[in-house]
Amino acid sequence: MADEEWNGDAVRGWLERRIAASQTDQVRAERAGRDYEDDYDKAAAEEWVCRQAWRHPSTGDQAEFGKYLKSVLDRDEYSRTGVYSERRFEREVKTCLRKLMKMAKANEGFANTSHFQKG
């Protein structure tokens, strides 16, 4: 996809799939118990980031989408109820935002709709 034009519909589709995958991962981690709280927070962070990006109208424009993601990364704090560790959640949000920013800048990775993703 790197040599192709920006496809906002593909980006939105990827974000929707990541939201669904992260929700599944949260359920799996919650059922697995206390030893999987890290996994729950990581999946919750991914869902939060993807849901914020999916809702934002900038997905149709590569440059605007990158600016939006940067503005979210520049926030001082992120919150979501139900996470086990706010600090871990915030760290994972930033990691997920950086990954998404890198993907948006390079315009690649949005075709990978598998549940498990590298990086």
PDB file of N, CA and C in Angstrom:
ATOM      1  N   MET A   1       0.804  -1.195   0.000  1.00  0.00           N
ATOM      2  CA  MET A   1       0.000   0.000   0.000  1.00  0.00           C
ATOM      3  C   MET A   1       0.849   1.261   0.000  1.00  0.00           C
ATOM      4  N   ALA A   2       2.145   1.128   0.265  1.00  0.00           N
ATOM      5  CA  ALA A   2       3.014   2.286   0.393  1.00  0.00           C
ATOM      6  C   ALA A   2       3.067   3.131  -0.875  1.00  0.00           C
ATOM      7  N   ASP A   3       2.994   2.524  -2.063  1.00  0.00           N
ATOM      8  CA  ASP A   3       3.057   3.270  -3.307  1.00  0.00           C
ATOM      9  C   ASP A   3       1.675   3.680  -3.803  1.00  0.00           C
ATOM     10  N   GLU A   4       0.651   3.316  -3.114  1.00  0.00           N
ATOM     11  CA  GLU A   4      -0.710   3.629  -3.510  1.00  0.00           C
ATOM     12  C   GLU A   4      -1.150   4.941  -2.874  1.00  0.00           C
ATOM     13  N   GLU A   5      -2.249   5.469  -3.408  1.00  0.00           N
ATOM     14  CA  GLU A   5      -2.841   6.660  -2.816  1.00  0.00           C
ATOM     15  C   GLU A   5      -3.438   6.321  -1.460  1.00  0.00           C
ATOM     16  N   TRP A   6      -3.538   7.336  -0.627  1.00  0.00           N
ATOM     17  CA  TRP A   6      -4.167   7.188   0.687  1.00  0.00           C
ATOM     18  C   TRP A   6      -5.606   6.741   0.496  1.00  0.00           C
ATOM     19  N   ASN A   7      -6.018   5.742   1.257  1.00  0.00           N
ATOM     20  CA  ASN A   7      -7.382   5.227   1.164  1.00  0.00           C
ATOM     21  C   ASN A   7      -8.017   5.312   2.551  1.00  0.00           C
ATOM     22  N   GLY A   8      -8.773   6.357   2.774  1.00  0.00           N
ATOM     23  CA  GLY A   8      -9.404   6.570   4.076  1.00  0.00           C
ATOM     24  C   GLY A   8     -10.342   5.444   4.463  1.00  0.00           C
ATOM     25  N   ASP A   9     -11.017   4.852   3.479  1.00  0.00           N
ATOM     26  CA  ASP A   9     -11.917   3.729   3.775  1.00  0.00           C
ATOM     27  C   ASP A   9     -11.139   2.519   4.283  1.00  0.00           C
ATOM     28  N   ALA A  10      -9.969   2.271   3.693  1.00  0.00           N
ATOM     29  CA  ALA A  10      -9.128   1.157   4.146  1.00  0.00           C
ATOM     30  C   ALA A  10      -8.617   1.413   5.567  1.00  0.00           C
ATOM     31  N   VAL A  11      -8.262   2.651   5.848  1.00  0.00           N
ATOM     32  CA  VAL A  11      -7.790   3.023   7.189  1.00  0.00           C
ATOM     33  C   VAL A  11      -8.914   2.812   8.200  1.00  0.00           C
ATOM     34  N   ARG A  12     -10.100   3.293   7.872  1.00  0.00           N
ATOM     35  CA  ARG A  12     -11.249   3.125   8.778  1.00  0.00           C
ATOM     36  C   ARG A  12     -11.579   1.650   8.969  1.00  0.00           C
ATOM     37  N   GLY A  13     -11.487   0.867   7.907  1.00  0.00           N
ATOM     38  CA  GLY A  13     -11.730  -0.574   8.023  1.00  0.00           C
ATOM     39  C   GLY A  13     -10.710  -1.243   8.927  1.00  0.00           C
ATOM     40  N   TRP A  14      -9.442  -0.841   8.783  1.00  0.00           N
ATOM     41  CA  TRP A  14      -8.388  -1.391   9.632  1.00  0.00           C
ATOM     42  C   TRP A  14      -8.647  -1.023  11.092  1.00  0.00           C
ATOM     43  N   LEU A  15      -9.011   0.225  11.322  1.00  0.00           N
ATOM     44  CA  LEU A  15      -9.295   0.678  12.684  1.00  0.00           C
ATOM     45  C   LEU A  15     -10.462  -0.106  13.287  1.00  0.00           C
ATOM     46  N   GLU A  16     -11.517  -0.325  12.508  1.00  0.00           N
ATOM     47  CA  GLU A  16     -12.660  -1.108  12.994  1.00  0.00           C
ATOM     48  C   GLU A  16     -12.238  -2.526  13.376  1.00  0.00           C
ATOM     49  N   ARG A  17     -11.407  -3.118  12.550  1.00  0.00           N
ATOM     50  CA  ARG A  17     -10.943  -4.480  12.843  1.00  0.00           C
ATOM     51  C   ARG A  17     -10.068  -4.526  14.091  1.00  0.00           C
ATOM     52  N   ARG A  18      -9.245  -3.494  14.281  1.00  0.00           N
ATOM     53  CA  ARG A  18      -8.398  -3.437  15.479  1.00  0.00           C
ATOM     54  C   ARG A  18      -9.246  -3.211  16.730  1.00  0.00           C
ATOM     55  N   ILE A  19     -10.318  -2.441  16.612  1.00  0.00           N
ATOM     56  CA  ILE A  19     -11.224  -2.251  17.754  1.00  0.00           C
ATOM     57  C   ILE A  19     -11.822  -3.595  18.146  1.00  0.00           C
ATOM     58  N   ALA A  20     -12.316  -4.338  17.178  1.00  0.00           N
ATOM     59  CA  ALA A  20     -12.915  -5.650  17.450  1.00  0.00           C
ATOM     60  C   ALA A  20     -11.882  -6.618  18.025  1.00  0.00           C
ATOM     61  N   ALA A  21     -10.682  -6.630  17.462  1.00  0.00           N
ATOM     62  CA  ALA A  21      -9.637  -7.536  17.947  1.00  0.00           C
ATOM     63  C   ALA A  21      -9.237  -7.184  19.376  1.00  0.00           C
ATOM     64  N   SER A  22      -9.116  -5.900  19.673  1.00  0.00           N
ATOM     65  CA  SER A  22      -8.712  -5.500  21.023  1.00  0.00           C
ATOM     66  C   SER A  22      -9.806  -5.798  22.040  1.00  0.00           C
ATOM     67  N   GLN A  23     -11.064  -5.706  21.633  1.00  0.00           N
ATOM     68  CA  GLN A  23     -12.152  -6.065  22.543  1.00  0.00           C
ATOM     69  C   GLN A  23     -12.104  -7.557  22.854  1.00  0.00           C
ATOM     70  N   THR A  24     -11.844  -8.359  21.847  1.00  0.00           N
ATOM     71  CA  THR A  24     -11.699  -9.806  22.056  1.00  0.00           C
ATOM     72  C   THR A  24     -10.528 -10.092  22.991  1.00  0.00           C
ATOM     73  N   ASP A  25      -9.424  -9.393  22.785  1.00  0.00           N
ATOM     74  CA  ASP A  25      -8.240  -9.587  23.633  1.00  0.00           C
ATOM     75  C   ASP A  25      -8.514  -9.177  25.079  1.00  0.00           C
ATOM     76  N   GLN A  26      -9.312  -8.143  25.283  1.00  0.00           N
ATOM     77  CA  GLN A  26      -9.662  -7.724  26.643  1.00  0.00           C
ATOM     78  C   GLN A  26     -10.490  -8.791  27.342  1.00  0.00           C
ATOM     79  N   VAL A  27     -11.444  -9.338  26.639  1.00  0.00           N
ATOM     80  CA  VAL A  27     -12.287 -10.400  27.215  1.00  0.00           C
ATOM     81  C   VAL A  27     -11.417 -11.602  27.568  1.00  0.00           C
ATOM     82  N   ARG A  28     -10.547 -11.973  26.652  1.00  0.00           N
ATOM     83  CA  ARG A  28      -9.653 -13.115  26.886  1.00  0.00           C
ATOM     84  C   ARG A  28      -8.765 -12.880  28.109  1.00  0.00           C
ATOM     85  N   ALA A  29      -8.214 -11.685  28.224  1.00  0.00           N
ATOM     86  CA  ALA A  29      -7.337 -11.361  29.355  1.00  0.00           C
ATOM     87  C   ALA A  29      -8.118 -11.326  30.665  1.00  0.00           C
ATOM     88  N   GLU A  30      -9.301 -10.776  30.617  1.00  0.00           N
ATOM     89  CA  GLU A  30     -10.135 -10.699  31.822  1.00  0.00           C
ATOM     90  C   GLU A  30     -10.488 -12.097  32.329  1.00  0.00           C
ATOM     91  N   ARG A  31     -10.799 -12.991  31.426  1.00  0.00           N
ATOM     92  CA  ARG A  31     -11.145 -14.356  31.803  1.00  0.00           C
ATOM     93  C   ARG A  31      -9.937 -15.131  32.310  1.00  0.00           C
ATOM     94  N   ALA A  32      -8.748 -14.757  31.830  1.00  0.00           N
ATOM     95  CA  ALA A  32      -7.529 -15.467  32.228  1.00  0.00           C
ATOM     96  C   ALA A  32      -7.083 -15.114  33.644  1.00  0.00           C
ATOM     97  N   GLY A  33      -7.553 -13.987  34.158  1.00  0.00           N
ATOM     98  CA  GLY A  33      -7.263 -13.651  35.549  1.00  0.00           C
ATOM     99  C   GLY A  33      -6.153 -12.648  35.763  1.00  0.00           C
ATOM    100  N   ARG A  34      -5.759 -12.583  36.998  1.00  0.00           N
ATOM    101  CA  ARG A  34      -4.829 -11.558  37.485  1.00  0.00           C
ATOM    102  C   ARG A  34      -3.502 -11.496  36.716  1.00  0.00           C
ATOM    103  N   ASP A  35      -2.996 -12.629  36.292  1.00  0.00           N
ATOM    104  CA  ASP A  35      -1.707 -12.645  35.594  1.00  0.00           C
ATOM    105  C   ASP A  35      -1.770 -11.979  34.226  1.00  0.00           C
ATOM    106  N   TYR A  36      -2.955 -11.650  33.749  1.00  0.00           N
ATOM    107  CA  TYR A  36      -3.117 -11.085  32.415  1.00  0.00           C
ATOM    108  C   TYR A  36      -3.613  -9.635  32.435  1.00  0.00           C
ATOM    109  N   GLU A  37      -3.426  -8.970  33.570  1.00  0.00           N
ATOM    110  CA  GLU A  37      -3.845  -7.576  33.668  1.00  0.00           C
ATOM    111  C   GLU A  37      -3.067  -6.686  32.701  1.00  0.00           C
ATOM    112  N   ASP A  38      -1.772  -6.980  32.497  1.00  0.00           N
ATOM    113  CA  ASP A  38      -0.974  -6.223  31.531  1.00  0.00           C
ATOM    114  C   ASP A  38      -1.581  -6.328  30.136  1.00  0.00           C
ATOM    115  N   ASP A  39      -1.953  -7.558  29.765  1.00  0.00           N
ATOM    116  CA  ASP A  39      -2.546  -7.786  28.449  1.00  0.00           C
ATOM    117  C   ASP A  39      -3.868  -7.033  28.305  1.00  0.00           C
ATOM    118  N   TYR A  40      -4.632  -6.993  29.364  1.00  0.00           N
ATOM    119  CA  TYR A  40      -5.906  -6.271  29.336  1.00  0.00           C
ATOM    120  C   TYR A  40      -5.654  -4.783  29.087  1.00  0.00           C
ATOM    121  N   ASP A  41      -4.733  -4.201  29.830  1.00  0.00           N
ATOM    122  CA  ASP A  41      -4.454  -2.771  29.677  1.00  0.00           C
ATOM    123  C   ASP A  41      -3.913  -2.453  28.288  1.00  0.00           C
ATOM    124  N   LYS A  42      -3.081  -3.326  27.760  1.00  0.00           N
ATOM    125  CA  LYS A  42      -2.545  -3.118  26.409  1.00  0.00           C
ATOM    126  C   LYS A  42      -3.670  -3.146  25.379  1.00  0.00           C
ATOM    127  N   ALA A  43      -4.559  -4.112  25.488  1.00  0.00           N
ATOM    128  CA  ALA A  43      -5.687  -4.213  24.556  1.00  0.00           C
ATOM    129  C   ALA A  43      -6.644  -3.033  24.735  1.00  0.00           C
ATOM    130  N   ALA A  44      -6.845  -2.602  25.969  1.00  0.00           N
ATOM    131  CA  ALA A  44      -7.713  -1.447  26.226  1.00  0.00           C
ATOM    132  C   ALA A  44      -7.121  -0.185  25.603  1.00  0.00           C
ATOM    133  N   ALA A  45      -5.816  -0.052  25.673  1.00  0.00           N
ATOM    134  CA  ALA A  45      -5.143   1.100  25.073  1.00  0.00           C
ATOM    135  C   ALA A  45      -5.306   1.083  23.555  1.00  0.00           C
ATOM    136  N   GLU A  46      -5.129  -0.079  22.954  1.00  0.00           N
ATOM    137  CA  GLU A  46      -5.289  -0.173  21.504  1.00  0.00           C
ATOM    138  C   GLU A  46      -6.722   0.170  21.101  1.00  0.00           C
ATOM    139  N   GLU A  47      -7.687  -0.345  21.849  1.00  0.00           N
ATOM    140  CA  GLU A  47      -9.074  -0.024  21.535  1.00  0.00           C
ATOM    141  C   GLU A  47      -9.317   1.481  21.653  1.00  0.00           C
ATOM    142  N   TRP A  48      -8.818   2.091  22.711  1.00  0.00           N
ATOM    143  CA  TRP A  48      -9.019   3.514  22.931  1.00  0.00           C
ATOM    144  C   TRP A  48      -8.452   4.328  21.771  1.00  0.00           C
ATOM    145  N   VAL A  49      -7.213   4.035  21.383  1.00  0.00           N
ATOM    146  CA  VAL A  49      -6.557   4.766  20.292  1.00  0.00           C
ATOM    147  C   VAL A  49      -7.316   4.586  18.984  1.00  0.00           C
ATOM    148  N   CYS A  50      -7.633   3.341  18.662  1.00  0.00           N
ATOM    149  CA  CYS A  50      -8.308   3.069  17.389  1.00  0.00           C
ATOM    150  C   CYS A  50      -9.712   3.670  17.354  1.00  0.00           C
ATOM    151  N   ARG A  51     -10.393   3.643  18.470  1.00  0.00           N
ATOM    152  CA  ARG A  51     -11.736   4.217  18.521  1.00  0.00           C
ATOM    153  C   ARG A  51     -11.666   5.747  18.354  1.00  0.00           C
ATOM    154  N   GLN A  52     -10.703   6.392  19.010  1.00  0.00           N
ATOM    155  CA  GLN A  52     -10.542   7.842  18.856  1.00  0.00           C
ATOM    156  C   GLN A  52     -10.244   8.187  17.401  1.00  0.00           C
ATOM    157  N   ALA A  53      -9.333   7.450  16.793  1.00  0.00           N
ATOM    158  CA  ALA A  53      -8.946   7.709  15.402  1.00  0.00           C
ATOM    159  C   ALA A  53     -10.101   7.422  14.448  1.00  0.00           C
ATOM    160  N   TRP A  54     -10.818   6.346  14.698  1.00  0.00           N
ATOM    161  CA  TRP A  54     -11.939   5.955  13.841  1.00  0.00           C
ATOM    162  C   TRP A  54     -13.041   7.016  13.850  1.00  0.00           C
ATOM    163  N   ARG A  55     -13.271   7.606  15.007  1.00  0.00           N
ATOM    164  CA  ARG A  55     -14.318   8.634  15.147  1.00  0.00           C
ATOM    165  C   ARG A  55     -13.936   9.964  14.496  1.00  0.00           C
ATOM    166  N   HIS A  56     -12.647  10.202  14.360  1.00  0.00           N
ATOM    167  CA  HIS A  56     -12.195  11.507  13.874  1.00  0.00           C
ATOM    168  C   HIS A  56     -12.327  11.587  12.352  1.00  0.00           C
ATOM    169  N   PRO A  57     -12.829  12.713  11.834  1.00  0.00           N
ATOM    170  CA  PRO A  57     -13.059  12.833  10.391  1.00  0.00           C
ATOM    171  C   PRO A  57     -11.791  12.909   9.538  1.00  0.00           C
ATOM    172  N   SER A  58     -10.630  13.000  10.136  1.00  0.00           N
ATOM    173  CA  SER A  58      -9.397  13.176   9.372  1.00  0.00           C
ATOM    174  C   SER A  58      -8.913  11.910   8.673  1.00  0.00           C
ATOM    175  N   THR A  59      -9.548  10.779   8.887  1.00  0.00           N
ATOM    176  CA  THR A  59      -9.056   9.531   8.283  1.00  0.00           C
ATOM    177  C   THR A  59      -9.028   9.582   6.760  1.00  0.00           C
ATOM    178  N   GLY A  60      -9.781  10.477   6.163  1.00  0.00           N
ATOM    179  CA  GLY A  60      -9.811  10.580   4.710  1.00  0.00           C
ATOM    180  C   GLY A  60      -8.619  11.303   4.103  1.00  0.00           C
ATOM    181  N   ASP A  61      -7.797  11.942   4.928  1.00  0.00           N
ATOM    182  CA  ASP A  61      -6.660  12.719   4.435  1.00  0.00           C
ATOM    183  C   ASP A  61      -5.409  12.336   5.228  1.00  0.00           C
ATOM    184  N   GLN A  62      -4.406  11.856   4.534  1.00  0.00           N
ATOM    185  CA  GLN A  62      -3.195  11.352   5.192  1.00  0.00           C
ATOM    186  C   GLN A  62      -2.522  12.406   6.070  1.00  0.00           C
ATOM    187  N   ALA A  63      -2.329  13.604   5.549  1.00  0.00           N
ATOM    188  CA  ALA A  63      -1.647  14.653   6.320  1.00  0.00           C
ATOM    189  C   ALA A  63      -2.472  15.063   7.539  1.00  0.00           C
ATOM    190  N   GLU A  64      -3.760  15.242   7.364  1.00  0.00           N
ATOM    191  CA  GLU A  64      -4.626  15.632   8.479  1.00  0.00           C
ATOM    192  C   GLU A  64      -4.696  14.530   9.535  1.00  0.00           C
ATOM    193  N   PHE A  65      -4.711  13.287   9.091  1.00  0.00           N
ATOM    194  CA  PHE A  65      -4.745  12.163  10.024  1.00  0.00           C
ATOM    195  C   PHE A  65      -3.465  12.144  10.861  1.00  0.00           C
ATOM    196  N   GLY A  66      -2.332  12.357  10.222  1.00  0.00           N
ATOM    197  CA  GLY A  66      -1.059  12.426  10.946  1.00  0.00           C
ATOM    198  C   GLY A  66      -1.039  13.551  11.966  1.00  0.00           C
ATOM    199  N   LYS A  67      -1.565  14.711  11.583  1.00  0.00           N
ATOM    200  CA  LYS A  67      -1.639  15.852  12.512  1.00  0.00           C
ATOM    201  C   LYS A  67      -2.533  15.527  13.703  1.00  0.00           C
ATOM    202  N   TYR A  68      -3.656  14.882  13.403  1.00  0.00           N
ATOM    203  CA  TYR A  68      -4.570  14.521  14.488  1.00  0.00           C
ATOM    204  C   TYR A  68      -3.886  13.566  15.468  1.00  0.00           C
ATOM    205  N   LEU A  69      -3.236  12.536  14.946  1.00  0.00           N
ATOM    206  CA  LEU A  69      -2.564  11.565  15.819  1.00  0.00           C
ATOM    207  C   LEU A  69      -1.493  12.242  16.662  1.00  0.00           C
ATOM    208  N   LYS A  70      -0.754  13.164  16.061  1.00  0.00           N
ATOM    209  CA  LYS A  70       0.274  13.900  16.796  1.00  0.00           C
ATOM    210  C   LYS A  70      -0.360  14.718  17.916  1.00  0.00           C
ATOM    211  N   SER A  71      -1.515  15.324  17.657  1.00  0.00           N
ATOM    212  CA  SER A  71      -2.179  16.122  18.695  1.00  0.00           C
ATOM    213  C   SER A  71      -2.640  15.239  19.849  1.00  0.00           C
ATOM    214  N   VAL A  72      -3.058  14.032  19.549  1.00  0.00           N
ATOM    215  CA  VAL A  72      -3.459  13.103  20.613  1.00  0.00           C
ATOM    216  C   VAL A  72      -2.223  12.670  21.410  1.00  0.00           C
ATOM    217  N   LEU A  73      -1.121  12.397  20.718  1.00  0.00           N
ATOM    218  CA  LEU A  73       0.114  11.997  21.400  1.00  0.00           C
ATOM    219  C   LEU A  73       0.620  13.111  22.317  1.00  0.00           C
ATOM    220  N   ASP A  74       0.396  14.354  21.937  1.00  0.00           N
ATOM    221  CA  ASP A  74       0.883  15.491  22.726  1.00  0.00           C
ATOM    222  C   ASP A  74       0.070  15.761  23.994  1.00  0.00           C
ATOM    223  N   ARG A  75      -1.018  15.041  24.191  1.00  0.00           N
ATOM    224  CA  ARG A  75      -1.813  15.233  25.406  1.00  0.00           C
ATOM    225  C   ARG A  75      -0.990  14.857  26.640  1.00  0.00           C
ATOM    226  N   ASP A  76      -1.366  15.420  27.769  1.00  0.00           N
ATOM    227  CA  ASP A  76      -0.669  15.128  29.015  1.00  0.00           C
ATOM    228  C   ASP A  76      -1.126  13.828  29.652  1.00  0.00           C
ATOM    229  N   GLU A  77      -2.387  13.488  29.465  1.00  0.00           N
ATOM    230  CA  GLU A  77      -2.887  12.268  30.092  1.00  0.00           C
ATOM    231  C   GLU A  77      -4.018  11.656  29.281  1.00  0.00           C
ATOM    232  N   TYR A  78      -4.222  10.391  29.514  1.00  0.00           N
ATOM    233  CA  TYR A  78      -5.275   9.624  28.864  1.00  0.00           C
ATOM    234  C   TYR A  78      -5.992   8.854  29.964  1.00  0.00           C
ATOM    235  N   SER A  79      -7.285   8.731  29.847  1.00  0.00           N
ATOM    236  CA  SER A  79      -7.974   7.986  30.888  1.00  0.00           C
ATOM    237  C   SER A  79      -9.069   7.120  30.294  1.00  0.00           C
ATOM    238  N   ARG A  80      -9.277   6.038  30.962  1.00  0.00           N
ATOM    239  CA  ARG A  80     -10.365   5.129  30.627  1.00  0.00           C
ATOM    240  C   ARG A  80     -10.687   4.354  31.896  1.00  0.00           C
ATOM    241  N   THR A  81     -11.937   4.216  32.178  1.00  0.00           N
ATOM    242  CA  THR A  81     -12.318   3.459  33.369  1.00  0.00           C
ATOM    243  C   THR A  81     -12.116   1.971  33.114  1.00  0.00           C
ATOM    244  N   GLY A  82     -11.842   1.253  34.180  1.00  0.00           N
ATOM    245  CA  GLY A  82     -11.743  -0.197  34.103  1.00  0.00           C
ATOM    246  C   GLY A  82     -10.362  -0.755  33.859  1.00  0.00           C
ATOM    247  N   VAL A  83      -9.367   0.105  33.634  1.00  0.00           N
ATOM    248  CA  VAL A  83      -8.023  -0.433  33.428  1.00  0.00           C
ATOM    249  C   VAL A  83      -7.388  -0.729  34.785  1.00  0.00           C
ATOM    250  N   TYR A  84      -6.424  -1.613  34.782  1.00  0.00           N
ATOM    251  CA  TYR A  84      -5.777  -2.014  36.031  1.00  0.00           C
ATOM    252  C   TYR A  84      -4.690  -1.038  36.459  1.00  0.00           C
ATOM    253  N   SER A  85      -3.971  -0.490  35.498  1.00  0.00           N
ATOM    254  CA  SER A  85      -2.895   0.445  35.822  1.00  0.00           C
ATOM    255  C   SER A  85      -2.965   1.631  34.863  1.00  0.00           C
ATOM    256  N   GLU A  86      -3.264   2.806  35.407  1.00  0.00           N
ATOM    257  CA  GLU A  86      -3.328   4.014  34.581  1.00  0.00           C
ATOM    258  C   GLU A  86      -1.992   4.288  33.901  1.00  0.00           C
ATOM    259  N   ARG A  87      -0.911   4.091  34.636  1.00  0.00           N
ATOM    260  CA  ARG A  87       0.424   4.339  34.089  1.00  0.00           C
ATOM    261  C   ARG A  87       0.709   3.417  32.905  1.00  0.00           C
ATOM    262  N   ARG A  88       0.409   2.150  33.061  1.00  0.00           N
ATOM    263  CA  ARG A  88       0.630   1.177  31.979  1.00  0.00           C
ATOM    264  C   ARG A  88      -0.274   1.512  30.794  1.00  0.00           C
ATOM    265  N   PHE A  89      -1.537   1.851  31.077  1.00  0.00           N
ATOM    266  CA  PHE A  89      -2.477   2.195  30.022  1.00  0.00           C
ATOM    267  C   PHE A  89      -1.954   3.386  29.214  1.00  0.00           C
ATOM    268  N   GLU A  90      -1.512   4.439  29.885  1.00  0.00           N
ATOM    269  CA  GLU A  90      -0.998   5.617  29.197  1.00  0.00           C
ATOM    270  C   GLU A  90       0.233   5.281  28.363  1.00  0.00           C
ATOM    271  N   ARG A  91       1.112   4.451  28.896  1.00  0.00           N
ATOM    272  CA  ARG A  91       2.311   4.035  28.151  1.00  0.00           C
ATOM    273  C   ARG A  91       1.916   3.277  26.884  1.00  0.00           C
ATOM    274  N   GLU A  92       0.945   2.385  27.011  1.00  0.00           N
ATOM    275  CA  GLU A  92       0.493   1.601  25.858  1.00  0.00           C
ATOM    276  C   GLU A  92      -0.250   2.464  24.844  1.00  0.00           C
ATOM    277  N   VAL A  93      -0.989   3.467  25.300  1.00  0.00           N
ATOM    278  CA  VAL A  93      -1.654   4.397  24.388  1.00  0.00           C
ATOM    279  C   VAL A  93      -0.599   5.098  23.532  1.00  0.00           C
ATOM    280  N   LYS A  94       0.452   5.589  24.163  1.00  0.00           N
ATOM    281  CA  LYS A  94       1.509   6.289  23.429  1.00  0.00           C
ATOM    282  C   LYS A  94       2.208   5.362  22.439  1.00  0.00           C
ATOM    283  N   THR A  95       2.442   4.127  22.850  1.00  0.00           N
ATOM    284  CA  THR A  95       3.066   3.152  21.954  1.00  0.00           C
ATOM    285  C   THR A  95       2.178   2.898  20.739  1.00  0.00           C
ATOM    286  N   CYS A  96       0.906   2.709  20.982  1.00  0.00           N
ATOM    287  CA  CYS A  96      -0.041   2.460  19.900  1.00  0.00           C
ATOM    288  C   CYS A  96      -0.155   3.676  18.980  1.00  0.00           C
ATOM    289  N   LEU A  97      -0.181   4.862  19.543  1.00  0.00           N
ATOM    290  CA  LEU A  97      -0.239   6.085  18.733  1.00  0.00           C
ATOM    291  C   LEU A  97       0.990   6.213  17.851  1.00  0.00           C
ATOM    292  N   ARG A  98       2.169   5.926  18.405  1.00  0.00           N
ATOM    293  CA  ARG A  98       3.401   6.013  17.610  1.00  0.00           C
ATOM    294  C   ARG A  98       3.380   5.012  16.455  1.00  0.00           C
ATOM    295  N   LYS A  99       2.899   3.808  16.724  1.00  0.00           N
ATOM    296  CA  LYS A  99       2.794   2.794  15.672  1.00  0.00           C
ATOM    297  C   LYS A  99       1.847   3.279  14.579  1.00  0.00           C
ATOM    298  N   LEU A 100       0.703   3.795  14.962  1.00  0.00           N
ATOM    299  CA  LEU A 100      -0.283   4.262  14.002  1.00  0.00           C
ATOM    300  C   LEU A 100       0.241   5.469  13.214  1.00  0.00           C
ATOM    301  N   MET A 101       0.980   6.349  13.869  1.00  0.00           N
ATOM    302  CA  MET A 101       1.578   7.495  13.187  1.00  0.00           C
ATOM    303  C   MET A 101       2.585   7.027  12.148  1.00  0.00           C
ATOM    304  N   LYS A 102       3.377   6.045  12.497  1.00  0.00           N
ATOM    305  CA  LYS A 102       4.368   5.490  11.566  1.00  0.00           C
ATOM    306  C   LYS A 102       3.670   4.851  10.362  1.00  0.00           C
ATOM    307  N   MET A 103       2.602   4.110  10.624  1.00  0.00           N
ATOM    308  CA  MET A 103       1.840   3.492   9.550  1.00  0.00           C
ATOM    309  C   MET A 103       1.238   4.563   8.636  1.00  0.00           C
ATOM    310  N   ALA A 104       0.681   5.606   9.232  1.00  0.00           N
ATOM    311  CA  ALA A 104       0.050   6.665   8.451  1.00  0.00           C
ATOM    312  C   ALA A 104       1.076   7.411   7.604  1.00  0.00           C
ATOM    313  N   LYS A 105       2.215   7.695   8.191  1.00  0.00           N
ATOM    314  CA  LYS A 105       3.256   8.422   7.462  1.00  0.00           C
ATOM    315  C   LYS A 105       3.729   7.624   6.254  1.00  0.00           C
ATOM    316  N   ALA A 106       3.931   6.311   6.447  1.00  0.00           N
ATOM    317  CA  ALA A 106       4.416   5.445   5.374  1.00  0.00           C
ATOM    318  C   ALA A 106       3.287   4.938   4.477  1.00  0.00           C
ATOM    319  N   ASN A 107       2.060   5.136   4.912  1.00  0.00           N
ATOM    320  CA  ASN A 107       0.883   4.638   4.197  1.00  0.00           C
ATOM    321  C   ASN A 107       1.004   3.137   3.942  1.00  0.00           C
ATOM    322  N   GLU A 108       1.346   2.415   5.000  1.00  0.00           N
ATOM    323  CA  GLU A 108       1.419   0.961   4.860  1.00  0.00           C
ATOM    324  C   GLU A 108       1.006   0.269   6.149  1.00  0.00           C
ATOM    325  N   GLY A 109       0.542  -0.958   5.984  1.00  0.00           N
ATOM    326  CA  GLY A 109       0.109  -1.759   7.120  1.00  0.00           C
ATOM    327  C   GLY A 109      -1.398  -1.831   7.255  1.00  0.00           C
ATOM    328  N   PHE A 110      -2.119  -0.967   6.556  1.00  0.00           N
ATOM    329  CA  PHE A 110      -3.574  -0.939   6.694  1.00  0.00           C
ATOM    330  C   PHE A 110      -4.258  -2.092   5.956  1.00  0.00           C
ATOM    331  N   ALA A 111      -3.507  -2.783   5.124  1.00  0.00           N
ATOM    332  CA  ALA A 111      -4.071  -3.947   4.433  1.00  0.00           C
ATOM    333  C   ALA A 111      -4.015  -5.195   5.315  1.00  0.00           C
ATOM    334  N   ASN A 112      -3.208  -5.163   6.367  1.00  0.00           N
ATOM    335  CA  ASN A 112      -3.083  -6.313   7.270  1.00  0.00           C
ATOM    336  C   ASN A 112      -4.255  -6.309   8.251  1.00  0.00           C
ATOM    337  N   THR A 113      -5.229  -7.136   7.969  1.00  0.00           N
ATOM    338  CA  THR A 113      -6.427  -7.165   8.814  1.00  0.00           C
ATOM    339  C   THR A 113      -6.475  -8.400   9.705  1.00  0.00           C
ATOM    340  N   SER A 114      -5.333  -9.098   9.842  1.00  0.00           N
ATOM    341  CA  SER A 114      -5.328 -10.268  10.726  1.00  0.00           C
ATOM    342  C   SER A 114      -5.447  -9.842  12.189  1.00  0.00           C
ATOM    343  N   HIS A 115      -5.929 -10.742  13.013  1.00  0.00           N
ATOM    344  CA  HIS A 115      -6.142 -10.438  14.429  1.00  0.00           C
ATOM    345  C   HIS A 115      -4.824 -10.078  15.105  1.00  0.00           C
ATOM    346  N   PHE A 116      -3.816 -10.921  14.923  1.00  0.00           N
ATOM    347  CA  PHE A 116      -2.522 -10.685  15.561  1.00  0.00           C
ATOM    348  C   PHE A 116      -1.622  -9.892  14.631  1.00  0.00           C
ATOM    349  N   GLN A 117      -1.084  -8.805  15.120  1.00  0.00           N
ATOM    350  CA  GLN A 117      -0.260  -7.900  14.326  1.00  0.00           C
ATOM    351  C   GLN A 117       1.144  -7.870  14.910  1.00  0.00           C
ATOM    352  N   LYS A 118       2.131  -7.665  14.053  1.00  0.00           N
ATOM    353  CA  LYS A 118       3.509  -7.497  14.512  1.00  0.00           C
ATOM    354  C   LYS A 118       3.674  -6.095  15.089  1.00  0.00           C
ATOM    355  N   GLY A 119       4.556  -5.998  16.074  1.00  0.00           N
ATOM    356  CA  GLY A 119       4.908  -4.694  16.615  1.00  0.00           C
ATOM    357  C   GLY A 119       3.906  -4.145  17.472  1.00  0.00           C
TER     358      GLY A 119
END
